[in-house]
Amino acid sequence: MRNVKALPVFAVFAALALPGCAPQPLTLSEMYGFCIMEPLYEDNQCEMMEVCGDFRQSLEREFPSLDACLAACRETARRQTMAQALRGCDSTIIRGSNLCSQYCRRAAAK
């Protein structure tokens, strides 16, 4: 019988803890740092700092909406895909695009 009474108290504490578990917004330097962390197993001629710097630069302005921010991420990914077509940068561009989108979504959620 004790467990039945303890359950509502546990549920209250769990509910109070949830807001503290929300993801914090990324800074531009965090986004860039995560982007340039190339896995050791990848061997390519990609200019990671150039690709990741382009994503960072695309986020250095204010956006009127989440959709506008995500559109900037998509445009940067498209531009980098064309510029880096023969260098094997796919994984870096994908990582940059994912981090760019994550930056936008976390900024919109705050």
C-alpha atoms as a PDB file:
ATOM      1  CA  MET A   1       0.000   0.000   0.000  1.00  0.00           C
ATOM      2  CA  ARG A   2       2.884   2.420   0.573  1.00  0.00           C
ATOM      3  CA  ASN A   3       3.903   2.281  -3.086  1.00  0.00           C
ATOM      4  CA  VAL A   4       0.447   3.394  -4.192  1.00  0.00           C
ATOM      5  CA  LYS A   5       0.655   6.547  -2.058  1.00  0.00           C
ATOM      6  CA  ALA A   6       4.249   7.247  -3.096  1.00  0.00           C
ATOM      7  CA  LEU A   7       3.424   7.148  -6.788  1.00  0.00           C
ATOM      8  CA  PRO A   8       1.558  10.502  -6.890  1.00  0.00           C
ATOM      9  CA  VAL A   9       4.381  12.199  -4.970  1.00  0.00           C
ATOM     10  CA  PHE A  10       6.936  10.759  -7.389  1.00  0.00           C
ATOM     11  CA  ALA A  11       4.831  11.954 -10.325  1.00  0.00           C
ATOM     12  CA  VAL A  12       4.769  15.509  -8.932  1.00  0.00           C
ATOM     13  CA  PHE A  13       8.561  15.558  -8.528  1.00  0.00           C
ATOM     14  CA  ALA A  14       9.040  14.131 -12.014  1.00  0.00           C
ATOM     15  CA  ALA A  15       6.734  16.763 -13.503  1.00  0.00           C
ATOM     16  CA  LEU A  16       8.614  19.540 -11.714  1.00  0.00           C
ATOM     17  CA  ALA A  17      11.922  18.257 -13.031  1.00  0.00           C
ATOM     18  CA  LEU A  18      10.842  18.193 -16.689  1.00  0.00           C
ATOM     19  CA  PRO A  19      11.215  21.909 -17.440  1.00  0.00           C
ATOM     20  CA  GLY A  20      14.850  21.704 -16.316  1.00  0.00           C
ATOM     21  CA  CYS A  21      15.457  18.926 -18.835  1.00  0.00           C
ATOM     22  CA  ALA A  22      14.519  21.050 -21.831  1.00  0.00           C
ATOM     23  CA  PRO A  23      17.387  21.455 -24.316  1.00  0.00           C
ATOM     24  CA  GLN A  24      19.237  24.726 -23.951  1.00  0.00           C
ATOM     25  CA  PRO A  25      19.816  26.921 -27.017  1.00  0.00           C
ATOM     26  CA  LEU A  26      23.114  26.374 -28.812  1.00  0.00           C
ATOM     27  CA  THR A  27      25.517  29.259 -29.208  1.00  0.00           C
ATOM     28  CA  LEU A  28      27.039  29.882 -32.617  1.00  0.00           C
ATOM     29  CA  SER A  29      30.456  28.849 -31.320  1.00  0.00           C
ATOM     30  CA  GLU A  30      29.042  25.577 -29.927  1.00  0.00           C
ATOM     31  CA  MET A  31      27.338  24.848 -33.229  1.00  0.00           C
ATOM     32  CA  TYR A  32      30.584  25.551 -35.113  1.00  0.00           C
ATOM     33  CA  GLY A  33      32.672  23.480 -32.683  1.00  0.00           C
ATOM     34  CA  PHE A  34      30.385  20.460 -32.975  1.00  0.00           C
ATOM     35  CA  CYS A  35      30.372  20.842 -36.757  1.00  0.00           C
ATOM     36  CA  ILE A  36      34.153  20.776 -37.201  1.00  0.00           C
ATOM     37  CA  MET A  37      34.541  17.646 -35.048  1.00  0.00           C
ATOM     38  CA  GLU A  38      35.253  15.229 -37.879  1.00  0.00           C
ATOM     39  CA  PRO A  39      35.100  11.548 -36.983  1.00  0.00           C
ATOM     40  CA  LEU A  40      38.498   9.851 -37.121  1.00  0.00           C
ATOM     41  CA  TYR A  41      37.394   7.260 -39.662  1.00  0.00           C
ATOM     42  CA  GLU A  42      36.601   9.782 -42.393  1.00  0.00           C
ATOM     43  CA  ASP A  43      39.229  10.443 -45.040  1.00  0.00           C
ATOM     44  CA  ASN A  44      38.289  13.249 -47.385  1.00  0.00           C
ATOM     45  CA  GLN A  45      39.541  16.527 -48.795  1.00  0.00           C
ATOM     46  CA  CYS A  46      36.767  18.547 -47.192  1.00  0.00           C
ATOM     47  CA  GLU A  47      37.474  22.027 -45.886  1.00  0.00           C
ATOM     48  CA  MET A  48      35.499  21.552 -42.668  1.00  0.00           C
ATOM     49  CA  MET A  49      36.191  25.040 -41.351  1.00  0.00           C
ATOM     50  CA  GLU A  50      34.927  26.560 -44.587  1.00  0.00           C
ATOM     51  CA  VAL A  51      31.759  24.438 -44.637  1.00  0.00           C
ATOM     52  CA  CYS A  52      31.006  24.870 -40.941  1.00  0.00           C
ATOM     53  CA  GLY A  53      31.916  28.555 -41.081  1.00  0.00           C
ATOM     54  CA  ASP A  54      29.360  29.044 -43.834  1.00  0.00           C
ATOM     55  CA  PHE A  55      26.655  27.488 -41.647  1.00  0.00           C
ATOM     56  CA  ARG A  56      27.705  29.682 -38.713  1.00  0.00           C
ATOM     57  CA  GLN A  57      27.708  32.796 -40.901  1.00  0.00           C
ATOM     58  CA  SER A  58      24.218  31.989 -42.199  1.00  0.00           C
ATOM     59  CA  LEU A  59      22.933  32.078 -38.600  1.00  0.00           C
ATOM     60  CA  GLU A  60      24.540  35.372 -37.574  1.00  0.00           C
ATOM     61  CA  ARG A  61      21.377  37.379 -38.208  1.00  0.00           C
ATOM     62  CA  GLU A  62      17.947  37.571 -36.665  1.00  0.00           C
ATOM     63  CA  PHE A  63      15.208  35.494 -38.262  1.00  0.00           C
ATOM     64  CA  PRO A  64      11.534  36.450 -38.241  1.00  0.00           C
ATOM     65  CA  SER A  65      10.458  32.819 -37.830  1.00  0.00           C
ATOM     66  CA  LEU A  66      11.629  29.251 -37.409  1.00  0.00           C
ATOM     67  CA  ASP A  67      10.805  28.583 -41.056  1.00  0.00           C
ATOM     68  CA  ALA A  68      13.074  31.434 -42.189  1.00  0.00           C
ATOM     69  CA  CYS A  69      15.929  30.102 -40.078  1.00  0.00           C
ATOM     70  CA  LEU A  70      15.474  26.559 -41.398  1.00  0.00           C
ATOM     71  CA  ALA A  71      15.345  27.921 -44.962  1.00  0.00           C
ATOM     72  CA  ALA A  72      18.748  29.575 -44.376  1.00  0.00           C
ATOM     73  CA  CYS A  73      20.109  26.185 -43.241  1.00  0.00           C
ATOM     74  CA  ARG A  74      18.740  24.472 -46.348  1.00  0.00           C
ATOM     75  CA  GLU A  75      20.170  27.154 -48.636  1.00  0.00           C
ATOM     76  CA  THR A  76      23.596  26.859 -47.002  1.00  0.00           C
ATOM     77  CA  ALA A  77      23.523  23.062 -47.365  1.00  0.00           C
ATOM     78  CA  ARG A  78      22.575  23.412 -51.038  1.00  0.00           C
ATOM     79  CA  ARG A  79      25.310  25.950 -51.674  1.00  0.00           C
ATOM     80  CA  GLN A  80      27.956  23.847 -49.903  1.00  0.00           C
ATOM     81  CA  THR A  81      26.856  20.670 -51.680  1.00  0.00           C
ATOM     82  CA  MET A  82      27.460  22.396 -55.021  1.00  0.00           C
ATOM     83  CA  ALA A  83      30.766  23.965 -53.939  1.00  0.00           C
ATOM     84  CA  GLN A  84      32.201  20.815 -52.354  1.00  0.00           C
ATOM     85  CA  ALA A  85      30.812  18.266 -54.816  1.00  0.00           C
ATOM     86  CA  LEU A  86      34.073  16.416 -55.492  1.00  0.00           C
ATOM     87  CA  ARG A  87      35.724  16.691 -52.085  1.00  0.00           C
ATOM     88  CA  GLY A  88      33.775  14.065 -50.141  1.00  0.00           C
ATOM     89  CA  CYS A  89      32.159  16.602 -47.804  1.00  0.00           C
ATOM     90  CA  ASP A  90      28.764  14.919 -47.583  1.00  0.00           C
ATOM     91  CA  SER A  91      29.081  13.939 -43.933  1.00  0.00           C
ATOM     92  CA  THR A  92      30.323  17.392 -42.901  1.00  0.00           C
ATOM     93  CA  ILE A  93      27.545  19.122 -44.841  1.00  0.00           C
ATOM     94  CA  ILE A  94      24.932  16.816 -43.317  1.00  0.00           C
ATOM     95  CA  ARG A  95      26.352  17.363 -39.836  1.00  0.00           C
ATOM     96  CA  GLY A  96      26.411  21.144 -40.408  1.00  0.00           C
ATOM     97  CA  SER A  97      22.868  21.112 -41.725  1.00  0.00           C
ATOM     98  CA  ASN A  98      21.623  19.072 -38.766  1.00  0.00           C
ATOM     99  CA  LEU A  99      23.354  21.353 -36.267  1.00  0.00           C
ATOM    100  CA  CYS A 100      22.063  24.431 -38.088  1.00  0.00           C
ATOM    101  CA  SER A 101      18.499  23.101 -37.859  1.00  0.00           C
ATOM    102  CA  GLN A 102      19.018  22.192 -34.213  1.00  0.00           C
ATOM    103  CA  TYR A 103      20.261  25.744 -33.538  1.00  0.00           C
ATOM    104  CA  CYS A 104      17.108  27.160 -35.153  1.00  0.00           C
ATOM    105  CA  ARG A 105      14.725  24.846 -33.322  1.00  0.00           C
ATOM    106  CA  ARG A 106      16.311  25.426 -29.921  1.00  0.00           C
ATOM    107  CA  ALA A 107      16.351  29.193 -30.457  1.00  0.00           C
ATOM    108  CA  ALA A 108      12.654  29.122 -31.404  1.00  0.00           C
ATOM    109  CA  ALA A 109      11.764  27.045 -28.331  1.00  0.00           C
ATOM    110  CA  LYS A 110      13.232  29.471 -25.784  1.00  0.00           C
END
